[in-house]
Amino acid sequence: MIYTTDFDEQAIPLIPVHATDYQQWLENAPDHHQRWLESSGFDASPGKWCALPDARGQLEEVVFGTADSGWLYQMAGLPSGLPAARYRLVSVWSKDHRIQASLGWGLAAYRFERYVKQSGDTPVLCLDKDVAEHVLNLFDAQKLVRDLINTPTEDMGPAELAADTQRQADFFGARVEVVSGEDLLTENFPAIHAVGRAADRAPQFIRMSWGERKAPLLALVGKGVCFDTGGLDLKNAAGMKIMKKDMGGAAHVIALARLVMQYELPVRLELLIPAVENAVSGNAYRPGDVIGTRKGLHIEIGNTDAEGRVVLADALAFACEKKPDLVIDFATLTGAARVALGTDLPPVFSNRLEIAKAIVDSGDRVEDPLWMMPLYQPYKKLLKSEIADLNNIGSTGLGGCIIAALFLEHFVEKEVPWVHIDTYGWNQSASPGRHVGGEALGLRAVFNYLRERYS
């Protein structure tokens, strides 16, 4: 257990202190705490904490240093070091800051336990009543993203991804439809079929619907490449090592849909996931092939390792057919985005600049940063094909994340507001609150924006 909503006045206090206020705070502390703190060398610098004993030597309270900003990870260093007990935050922080700090506690305490269970008791945070529900909802959503991405492909193929979508739907009374295998051709999803046909496990198009018919239509699209070998343009071993995460876009939109339904946003929700494995076999799609799409455009395959944008082409075209109020896609799409902005900062593209800016601003407020990037139209010429409507890769390796976004734009109707987020979905290295492995990057930013847009 990480949290409890049963607030306990007897729980051990967690007391935040800023370095500039520390001396005054220390003067007001009990004598035995003053002596302990002075002998320990504690100075209230950010990330430092000290457990304070009572006169009998038992843990009485914990003091920790705080920074001027970055509330999400203010308490992230505590769960791994504190003994198992109940704790409560004692502060005059605003509600928003307590939400962030309490969420950071859970993100730090998270463990992926599907295959190895954690033994022993752990520290538990007693949540303030005014923040408890929101903290738990946000944590459960971010945990869902992490769990889905961390699960190896053997247990997270297209059918398993559909099953996880169904579990969310069952909880909230949503409806799920799945188009699978050869039915993708008869139902006009040829690009999804082409990418996924080489795998033993059938490609699928997963659709979840929820909400009132007359409400504005919100379409969430997530890249669900459950494993990416690169296809016939095979990745090397290092490039393939963490490709279980290539369904990270799908993980993000499943969790985002969960939040939309949980908060009963006044929308008609369509969750759309093209779920495939990009595998190698005798019937794998090839470099140089030309494949059709739901929209009627033909794609020349310049590289089979640029498969995510190909499956998204059919999903985005489907999303636009009902003239939605907004389409948002998440995808672990390009290495170029990582070159441009690193692993922690997803680029956001949109055919409506005001929406992209609003999402970035929303992310800043909840410490889930994004960076606005341009749909620079002159680069569209780099997708030109001599034998098809467009190529799936650019004629240059430069500006790759922009070119990928421009490719997707071909399958979005101009009158439909559309947002594309090229998320990494993974922590490369560990830091307080962030473990190596699957991560939600952009989830809370977009949800915060949707709450504001549809409230």
Protein backbone atom coordinates (compact mmCIF):
# COMPACT_ATOMS: atom_id res chain seq x y z
CA MET A 1 0.00 0.00 0.00
CA ILE A 2 1.32 3.45 -0.99
CA TYR A 3 -1.52 5.69 0.16
CA THR A 4 -4.40 5.64 2.60
CA THR A 5 -7.43 7.91 2.59
CA ASP A 6 -8.06 7.12 6.27
CA PHE A 7 -6.41 10.21 7.68
CA ASP A 8 -4.55 9.43 10.89
CA GLU A 9 -3.65 12.24 13.31
CA GLN A 10 -1.22 9.83 14.96
CA ALA A 11 0.69 9.38 11.71
CA ILE A 12 4.29 10.63 11.73
CA PRO A 13 4.46 14.25 10.54
CA LEU A 14 6.44 15.12 7.41
CA ILE A 15 7.54 18.71 7.81
CA PRO A 16 8.83 20.70 4.81
CA VAL A 17 11.34 23.46 5.54
CA HIS A 18 13.06 25.81 3.12
CA ALA A 19 16.73 26.56 3.74
CA THR A 20 16.06 30.29 4.15
CA ASP A 21 13.55 29.56 6.95
CA TYR A 22 15.51 26.75 8.57
CA GLN A 23 17.29 28.67 11.34
CA GLN A 24 14.09 30.27 12.55
CA TRP A 25 12.31 26.91 12.40
CA LEU A 26 15.18 25.29 14.30
CA GLU A 27 14.98 27.84 17.09
CA ASN A 28 11.35 26.87 17.68
CA ALA A 29 12.05 23.13 17.64
CA PRO A 30 12.32 21.12 20.89
CA ASP A 31 15.78 21.03 22.45
CA HIS A 32 16.34 17.34 21.70
CA HIS A 33 15.49 17.93 18.03
CA GLN A 34 17.85 20.90 17.87
CA ARG A 35 20.70 18.82 19.23
CA TRP A 36 19.94 15.94 16.87
CA LEU A 37 19.76 18.18 13.82
CA GLU A 38 22.93 20.05 14.68
CA SER A 39 24.86 16.83 15.18
CA SER A 40 23.50 15.35 11.94
CA GLY A 41 24.57 18.32 9.82
CA PHE A 42 21.09 18.75 8.31
CA ASP A 43 20.77 22.10 6.51
CA ALA A 44 17.34 21.83 4.80
CA SER A 45 18.83 21.79 1.32
CA PRO A 46 16.47 20.38 -1.35
CA GLY A 47 16.31 16.60 -1.37
CA LYS A 48 17.77 16.22 2.15
CA TRP A 49 15.74 14.88 5.05
CA CYS A 50 16.25 13.90 8.65
CA ALA A 51 14.27 11.54 10.87
CA LEU A 52 13.82 13.00 14.34
CA PRO A 53 13.51 10.73 17.41
CA ASP A 54 11.52 11.43 20.52
CA ALA A 55 12.98 11.20 24.03
CA ARG A 56 12.69 7.39 23.91
CA GLY A 57 14.49 7.11 20.60
CA GLN A 58 11.37 6.34 18.55
CA LEU A 59 10.63 8.15 15.29
CA GLU A 60 8.63 11.26 16.12
CA GLU A 61 8.69 13.33 12.94
CA VAL A 62 10.59 13.85 9.69
CA VAL A 63 11.89 17.18 8.42
CA PHE A 64 12.87 17.61 4.78
CA GLY A 65 14.37 20.39 2.71
CA THR A 66 12.36 21.96 -0.10
CA ALA A 67 13.17 23.80 -3.32
CA ASP A 68 11.64 26.99 -4.67
CA SER A 69 9.90 25.13 -7.50
CA GLY A 70 9.21 21.62 -8.74
CA TRP A 71 6.57 20.51 -6.25
CA LEU A 72 6.04 17.12 -7.87
CA TYR A 73 9.28 15.66 -6.57
CA GLN A 74 9.58 17.52 -3.25
CA MET A 75 8.82 14.31 -1.30
CA ALA A 76 10.09 11.82 -3.87
CA GLY A 77 13.23 11.03 -1.91
CA LEU A 78 11.33 9.92 1.19
CA PRO A 79 9.56 6.60 0.45
CA SER A 80 12.75 4.70 -0.34
CA GLY A 81 14.46 5.70 2.91
CA LEU A 82 11.78 5.90 5.57
CA PRO A 83 10.82 2.93 7.74
CA ALA A 84 7.41 1.32 7.23
CA ALA A 85 4.85 3.46 9.05
CA ARG A 86 2.03 5.92 8.40
CA TYR A 87 3.04 9.47 7.53
CA ARG A 88 1.17 12.72 6.95
CA LEU A 89 2.26 15.94 5.29
CA VAL A 90 2.14 18.91 7.66
CA SER A 91 2.41 22.13 5.68
CA VAL A 92 0.74 25.37 4.66
CA TRP A 93 1.24 24.56 0.98
CA SER A 94 -1.58 25.32 -1.42
CA LYS A 95 -3.92 22.54 -2.53
CA ASP A 96 -2.24 22.34 -5.95
CA HIS A 97 1.20 22.00 -4.37
CA ARG A 98 0.00 19.31 -1.97
CA ILE A 99 -1.53 17.41 -4.89
CA GLN A 100 1.76 17.53 -6.76
CA ALA A 101 3.91 16.54 -3.80
CA SER A 102 1.55 13.74 -2.76
CA LEU A 103 1.51 12.39 -6.32
CA GLY A 104 5.30 12.46 -6.36
CA TRP A 105 5.34 10.27 -3.25
CA GLY A 106 3.37 7.60 -5.11
CA LEU A 107 5.50 7.86 -8.24
CA ALA A 108 8.59 7.31 -6.08
CA ALA A 109 7.02 4.37 -4.24
CA TYR A 110 5.84 2.68 -7.47
CA ARG A 111 7.24 -0.76 -8.29
CA PHE A 112 6.45 -3.00 -11.26
CA GLU A 113 5.50 -6.18 -9.44
CA ARG A 114 3.96 -8.43 -12.08
CA TYR A 115 6.89 -10.86 -11.98
CA VAL A 116 8.72 -9.99 -8.74
CA LYS A 117 6.69 -9.09 -5.67
CA GLN A 118 8.06 -6.58 -3.17
CA SER A 119 8.46 -8.10 0.27
CA GLY A 120 7.75 -6.40 3.57
CA ASP A 121 5.73 -3.35 4.55
CA THR A 122 6.33 0.08 3.05
CA PRO A 123 5.81 3.68 4.14
CA VAL A 124 2.23 4.86 3.63
CA LEU A 125 1.13 8.45 3.06
CA CYS A 126 -2.13 9.56 4.67
CA LEU A 127 -3.73 11.84 2.08
CA ASP A 128 -5.45 15.07 3.04
CA LYS A 129 -9.18 14.74 2.39
CA ASP A 130 -9.28 17.68 -0.02
CA VAL A 131 -6.66 16.16 -2.33
CA ALA A 132 -7.11 12.42 -1.85
CA GLU A 133 -9.42 11.60 -4.77
CA HIS A 134 -7.47 13.61 -7.34
CA VAL A 135 -4.11 12.25 -6.21
CA LEU A 136 -5.34 8.66 -6.37
CA ASN A 137 -6.87 9.15 -9.82
CA LEU A 138 -3.72 10.71 -11.25
CA PHE A 139 -1.49 8.09 -9.66
CA ASP A 140 -3.63 5.20 -10.91
CA ALA A 141 -3.53 6.62 -14.45
CA GLN A 142 0.23 7.12 -14.43
CA LYS A 143 0.72 3.69 -12.86
CA LEU A 144 -1.41 2.18 -15.61
CA VAL A 145 0.86 3.69 -18.27
CA ARG A 146 3.96 2.42 -16.51
CA ASP A 147 2.54 -1.07 -16.01
CA LEU A 148 1.40 -1.43 -19.62
CA ILE A 149 4.73 -0.29 -21.05
CA ASN A 150 6.82 -2.33 -18.60
CA THR A 151 4.99 -5.56 -19.48
CA PRO A 152 7.04 -7.64 -21.94
CA THR A 153 5.51 -8.25 -25.36
CA GLU A 154 4.99 -11.95 -24.62
CA ASP A 155 2.27 -10.77 -22.21
CA MET A 156 1.33 -7.55 -24.03
CA GLY A 157 0.58 -8.29 -27.66
CA PRO A 158 -2.31 -6.82 -29.68
CA ALA A 159 -4.92 -9.12 -28.09
CA GLU A 160 -3.68 -8.35 -24.56
CA LEU A 161 -3.77 -4.63 -25.32
CA ALA A 162 -7.38 -5.07 -26.43
CA ALA A 163 -8.13 -6.97 -23.22
CA ASP A 164 -6.70 -4.16 -21.10
CA THR A 165 -8.83 -1.68 -23.03
CA GLN A 166 -11.86 -3.88 -22.38
CA ARG A 167 -11.09 -3.90 -18.64
CA GLN A 168 -11.20 -0.11 -18.53
CA ALA A 169 -14.36 -0.09 -20.63
CA ASP A 170 -16.12 -2.58 -18.35
CA PHE A 171 -15.42 -0.43 -15.32
CA PHE A 172 -16.95 2.69 -16.86
CA GLY A 173 -19.68 1.19 -19.02
CA ALA A 174 -17.97 1.88 -22.35
CA ARG A 175 -18.22 -0.24 -25.50
CA VAL A 176 -15.28 -1.93 -27.23
CA GLU A 177 -15.13 -3.20 -30.80
CA VAL A 178 -12.12 -4.99 -32.29
CA VAL A 179 -11.35 -5.56 -35.97
CA SER A 180 -8.74 -8.29 -36.27
CA GLY A 181 -6.58 -10.05 -38.85
CA GLU A 182 -7.98 -10.38 -42.37
CA ASP A 183 -11.10 -8.47 -41.32
CA LEU A 184 -8.93 -5.35 -41.37
CA LEU A 185 -8.90 -5.59 -45.15
CA THR A 186 -12.66 -5.99 -45.51
CA GLU A 187 -13.23 -3.15 -43.02
CA ASN A 188 -10.80 -0.88 -44.93
CA PHE A 189 -7.78 -0.71 -42.62
CA PRO A 190 -5.17 -1.83 -45.18
CA ALA A 191 -2.18 0.02 -43.71
CA ILE A 192 -2.67 -1.52 -40.25
CA HIS A 193 -2.95 -4.95 -41.84
CA ALA A 194 0.15 -4.47 -43.98
CA VAL A 195 2.38 -3.62 -41.03
CA GLY A 196 1.04 -6.34 -38.74
CA ARG A 197 0.47 -9.24 -41.12
CA ALA A 198 3.93 -10.81 -40.65
CA ALA A 199 3.42 -11.54 -36.95
CA ASP A 200 1.94 -14.76 -35.59
CA ARG A 201 -0.42 -12.65 -33.49
CA ALA A 202 -3.02 -10.92 -35.62
CA PRO A 203 -3.00 -7.13 -35.99
CA GLN A 204 -6.03 -5.40 -34.48
CA PHE A 205 -7.88 -2.11 -34.63
CA ILE A 206 -9.28 -1.42 -31.15
CA ARG A 207 -12.13 1.05 -30.72
CA MET A 208 -13.69 2.08 -27.41
CA SER A 209 -16.73 4.39 -27.31
CA TRP A 210 -18.20 6.23 -24.31
CA GLY A 211 -20.37 9.24 -23.58
CA GLU A 212 -23.55 10.96 -24.70
CA ARG A 213 -24.29 11.01 -28.42
CA LYS A 214 -24.92 14.77 -28.51
CA ALA A 215 -21.70 15.69 -26.67
CA PRO A 216 -18.66 17.00 -28.60
CA LEU A 217 -16.63 14.14 -30.06
CA LEU A 218 -13.13 13.68 -28.64
CA ALA A 219 -10.97 11.14 -30.48
CA LEU A 220 -7.86 9.76 -28.74
CA VAL A 221 -5.51 7.78 -31.00
CA GLY A 222 -2.55 5.77 -29.69
CA LYS A 223 0.22 3.97 -31.54
CA GLY A 224 0.03 0.35 -30.42
CA VAL A 225 3.13 -1.29 -31.90
CA CYS A 226 3.54 -3.98 -29.27
CA PHE A 227 7.03 -4.83 -30.47
CA ASP A 228 9.11 -3.27 -33.21
CA THR A 229 11.85 -5.34 -34.80
CA GLY A 230 12.14 -2.72 -37.51
CA GLY A 231 10.68 -5.21 -39.98
CA LEU A 232 12.87 -6.14 -42.92
CA ASP A 233 14.88 -2.96 -42.23
CA LEU A 234 15.89 -4.75 -39.05
CA LYS A 235 17.00 -2.88 -35.94
CA ASN A 236 20.24 -3.96 -34.26
CA ALA A 237 20.15 -5.63 -30.86
CA ALA A 238 20.62 -2.40 -28.92
CA GLY A 239 17.86 -0.68 -30.88
CA MET A 240 15.46 -3.56 -30.25
CA LYS A 241 16.17 -3.99 -26.55
CA ILE A 242 13.36 -1.82 -25.19
CA MET A 243 10.97 -2.02 -28.14
CA LYS A 244 8.28 -3.45 -25.89
CA LYS A 245 7.70 0.24 -25.17
CA ASP A 246 6.62 0.99 -28.75
CA MET A 247 3.00 0.67 -27.66
CA GLY A 248 3.56 3.58 -25.26
CA GLY A 249 1.24 5.83 -27.23
CA ALA A 250 -1.58 3.33 -26.75
CA ALA A 251 -0.77 3.12 -23.03
CA HIS A 252 -1.05 6.89 -22.75
CA VAL A 253 -4.44 7.14 -24.45
CA ILE A 254 -5.88 4.21 -22.49
CA ALA A 255 -4.94 6.00 -19.26
CA LEU A 256 -6.16 9.33 -20.63
CA ALA A 257 -9.49 7.77 -21.58
CA ARG A 258 -9.71 6.35 -18.06
CA LEU A 259 -9.35 9.86 -16.61
CA VAL A 260 -11.87 11.33 -19.05
CA MET A 261 -14.43 8.73 -18.00
CA GLN A 262 -13.53 8.89 -14.31
CA TYR A 263 -14.11 12.65 -14.23
CA GLU A 264 -17.17 12.34 -16.48
CA LEU A 265 -16.01 15.04 -18.87
CA PRO A 266 -18.94 16.11 -21.07
CA VAL A 267 -17.60 14.54 -24.27
CA ARG A 268 -18.36 11.64 -26.58
CA LEU A 269 -15.13 9.67 -26.40
CA GLU A 270 -13.60 7.54 -29.14
CA LEU A 271 -10.42 5.67 -28.17
CA LEU A 272 -8.66 4.25 -31.25
CA ILE A 273 -5.63 1.96 -31.16
CA PRO A 274 -3.97 0.29 -34.15
CA ALA A 275 -2.29 -2.66 -32.38
CA VAL A 276 0.36 -4.66 -34.26
CA GLU A 277 3.73 -6.34 -34.01
CA ASN A 278 6.21 -5.20 -36.65
CA ALA A 279 7.71 -8.63 -37.25
CA VAL A 280 9.86 -10.39 -39.84
CA SER A 281 8.58 -13.31 -41.89
CA GLY A 282 8.02 -14.37 -45.50
CA ASN A 283 4.96 -12.13 -45.85
CA ALA A 284 6.39 -9.03 -44.15
CA TYR A 285 5.82 -5.76 -45.96
CA ARG A 286 8.93 -4.66 -47.83
CA PRO A 287 10.96 -1.55 -48.57
CA GLY A 288 9.70 -0.27 -51.90
CA ASP A 289 6.18 -1.67 -51.51
CA VAL A 290 3.25 0.66 -52.11
CA ILE A 291 0.36 0.13 -49.70
CA GLY A 292 -3.10 1.59 -49.63
CA THR A 293 -4.73 3.44 -46.74
CA ARG A 294 -8.22 4.03 -45.45
CA LYS A 295 -8.14 7.57 -46.81
CA GLY A 296 -7.31 6.36 -50.32
CA LEU A 297 -3.76 7.72 -50.37
CA HIS A 298 -0.98 5.33 -51.35
CA ILE A 299 2.25 5.14 -49.34
CA GLU A 300 5.59 4.06 -50.74
CA ILE A 301 7.54 2.28 -48.01
CA GLY A 302 10.96 3.88 -47.82
CA ASN A 303 11.76 2.09 -44.59
CA THR A 304 9.84 -0.63 -42.76
CA ASP A 305 11.10 0.73 -39.42
CA ALA A 306 8.92 3.82 -39.90
CA GLU A 307 5.86 1.68 -39.25
CA GLY A 308 4.16 3.66 -36.49
CA ARG A 309 3.12 6.48 -38.77
CA VAL A 310 1.77 3.94 -41.27
CA VAL A 311 -0.63 2.30 -38.80
CA LEU A 312 -1.61 5.72 -37.43
CA ALA A 313 -2.57 6.80 -40.95
CA ASP A 314 -5.61 4.49 -40.98
CA ALA A 315 -6.53 5.33 -37.38
CA LEU A 316 -6.38 9.10 -37.92
CA ALA A 317 -8.41 8.84 -41.12
CA PHE A 318 -11.06 6.86 -39.24
CA ALA A 319 -11.02 9.39 -36.38
CA CYS A 320 -11.74 12.27 -38.77
CA GLU A 321 -14.67 10.63 -40.53
CA LYS A 322 -17.17 11.75 -37.88
CA LYS A 323 -15.89 15.36 -37.83
CA PRO A 324 -14.73 15.31 -34.20
CA ASP A 325 -14.34 18.38 -32.03
CA LEU A 326 -10.71 17.37 -31.35
CA VAL A 327 -8.29 14.57 -32.25
CA ILE A 328 -5.24 13.87 -30.09
CA ASP A 329 -2.70 11.19 -30.87
CA PHE A 330 0.13 9.89 -28.72
CA ALA A 331 2.96 7.92 -30.32
CA THR A 332 6.48 6.78 -29.52
CA LEU A 333 7.23 7.83 -33.06
CA THR A 334 10.73 9.13 -33.78
CA GLY A 335 14.28 9.02 -32.49
CA ALA A 336 14.62 12.46 -34.06
CA ALA A 337 12.38 13.89 -31.33
CA ARG A 338 14.83 12.57 -28.75
CA VAL A 339 17.76 14.12 -30.62
CA ALA A 340 15.94 17.46 -30.70
CA LEU A 341 14.57 17.56 -27.15
CA GLY A 342 15.98 14.61 -25.21
CA THR A 343 14.00 11.82 -23.61
CA ASP A 344 12.04 13.81 -21.01
CA LEU A 345 10.47 16.53 -23.18
CA PRO A 346 7.93 15.38 -25.79
CA PRO A 347 7.29 17.67 -28.76
CA VAL A 348 3.69 18.63 -29.45
CA PHE A 349 2.47 19.47 -32.95
CA SER A 350 -0.94 20.81 -33.92
CA ASN A 351 -2.78 22.28 -36.86
CA ARG A 352 -4.20 24.76 -34.34
CA LEU A 353 -1.34 26.68 -32.70
CA GLU A 354 -3.57 28.00 -29.93
CA ILE A 355 -4.35 24.43 -28.83
CA ALA A 356 -0.70 23.38 -28.84
CA LYS A 357 0.21 26.44 -26.78
CA ALA A 358 -2.63 25.78 -24.33
CA ILE A 359 -1.47 22.18 -23.82
CA VAL A 360 2.12 23.29 -23.21
CA ASP A 361 0.91 25.91 -20.72
CA SER A 362 -1.28 23.30 -19.05
CA GLY A 363 1.68 20.96 -18.75
CA ASP A 364 3.75 23.67 -17.10
CA ARG A 365 1.07 24.06 -14.44
CA VAL A 366 1.11 20.37 -13.52
CA GLU A 367 4.86 19.79 -14.01
CA ASP A 368 4.40 17.61 -17.07
CA PRO A 369 6.43 19.56 -19.63
CA LEU A 370 5.97 19.55 -23.40
CA TRP A 371 7.54 21.68 -26.13
CA MET A 372 5.68 23.13 -29.11
CA MET A 373 7.15 22.24 -32.50
CA PRO A 374 6.14 23.50 -35.96
CA LEU A 375 4.30 21.74 -38.76
CA TYR A 376 6.66 23.45 -41.18
CA GLN A 377 4.83 23.02 -44.48
CA PRO A 378 7.81 23.46 -46.88
CA TYR A 379 9.19 20.16 -45.51
CA LYS A 380 6.24 18.27 -47.00
CA LYS A 381 8.13 18.12 -50.29
CA LEU A 382 10.63 15.82 -48.54
CA LEU A 383 7.92 13.12 -48.40
CA LYS A 384 7.50 13.08 -52.17
CA SER A 385 7.36 9.73 -53.94
CA GLU A 386 7.75 9.14 -57.66
CA ILE A 387 5.29 6.22 -57.67
CA ALA A 388 2.84 6.95 -54.83
CA ASP A 389 1.10 9.83 -53.09
CA LEU A 390 3.85 10.04 -50.48
CA ASN A 391 6.75 8.16 -48.92
CA ASN A 392 6.73 7.05 -45.30
CA ILE A 393 10.17 8.61 -44.69
CA GLY A 394 11.77 11.88 -45.68
CA SER A 395 14.45 12.24 -48.29
CA THR A 396 16.76 13.55 -45.57
CA GLY A 397 17.45 12.45 -42.01
CA LEU A 398 17.21 16.03 -40.78
CA GLY A 399 14.08 17.37 -39.10
CA GLY A 400 12.77 13.83 -38.65
CA CYS A 401 10.12 14.47 -36.02
CA ILE A 402 8.66 17.36 -38.05
CA ILE A 403 8.61 15.24 -41.22
CA ALA A 404 6.87 12.40 -39.33
CA ALA A 405 4.23 14.83 -38.04
CA LEU A 406 3.73 16.19 -41.58
CA PHE A 407 3.23 12.63 -42.81
CA LEU A 408 0.44 12.16 -40.25
CA GLU A 409 -1.12 15.47 -41.23
CA HIS A 410 -1.90 14.02 -44.68
CA PHE A 411 -4.48 11.80 -42.97
CA VAL A 412 -6.16 14.52 -40.90
CA GLU A 413 -8.96 16.62 -42.38
CA LYS A 414 -8.07 20.33 -42.39
CA GLU A 415 -11.24 21.36 -40.60
CA VAL A 416 -10.53 18.97 -37.70
CA PRO A 417 -8.39 20.30 -34.81
CA TRP A 418 -5.58 17.80 -34.31
CA VAL A 419 -2.73 17.38 -31.83
CA HIS A 420 0.20 14.99 -32.19
CA ILE A 421 2.49 14.17 -29.25
CA ASP A 422 5.73 12.31 -29.97
CA THR A 423 6.35 10.90 -26.49
CA TYR A 424 9.23 8.65 -25.45
CA GLY A 425 7.32 6.75 -22.78
CA TRP A 426 10.46 5.64 -20.97
CA ASN A 427 12.90 6.74 -18.27
CA GLN A 428 16.45 6.10 -19.40
CA SER A 429 17.92 6.62 -15.94
CA ALA A 430 16.61 6.63 -12.39
CA SER A 431 15.95 9.70 -10.26
CA PRO A 432 13.65 10.29 -7.27
CA GLY A 433 10.12 9.61 -8.44
CA ARG A 434 11.23 8.17 -11.77
CA HIS A 435 12.37 4.58 -12.14
CA VAL A 436 14.09 3.17 -15.20
CA GLY A 437 11.32 1.86 -17.43
CA GLY A 438 7.90 2.89 -18.68
CA GLU A 439 6.78 6.45 -18.00
CA ALA A 440 3.81 8.71 -18.72
CA LEU A 441 5.10 11.83 -20.45
CA GLY A 442 2.40 14.28 -21.51
CA LEU A 443 -0.51 12.42 -19.90
CA ARG A 444 -1.27 14.86 -17.09
CA ALA A 445 -0.62 17.88 -19.32
CA VAL A 446 -3.24 16.79 -21.84
CA PHE A 447 -5.77 15.74 -19.22
CA ASN A 448 -5.42 19.07 -17.45
CA TYR A 449 -6.04 20.79 -20.78
CA LEU A 450 -9.10 18.63 -21.51
CA ARG A 451 -10.61 19.40 -18.10
CA GLU A 452 -10.23 23.10 -18.80
CA ARG A 453 -11.48 22.84 -22.40
CA TYR A 454 -14.60 20.83 -21.59
CA SER A 455 -15.50 22.32 -18.23
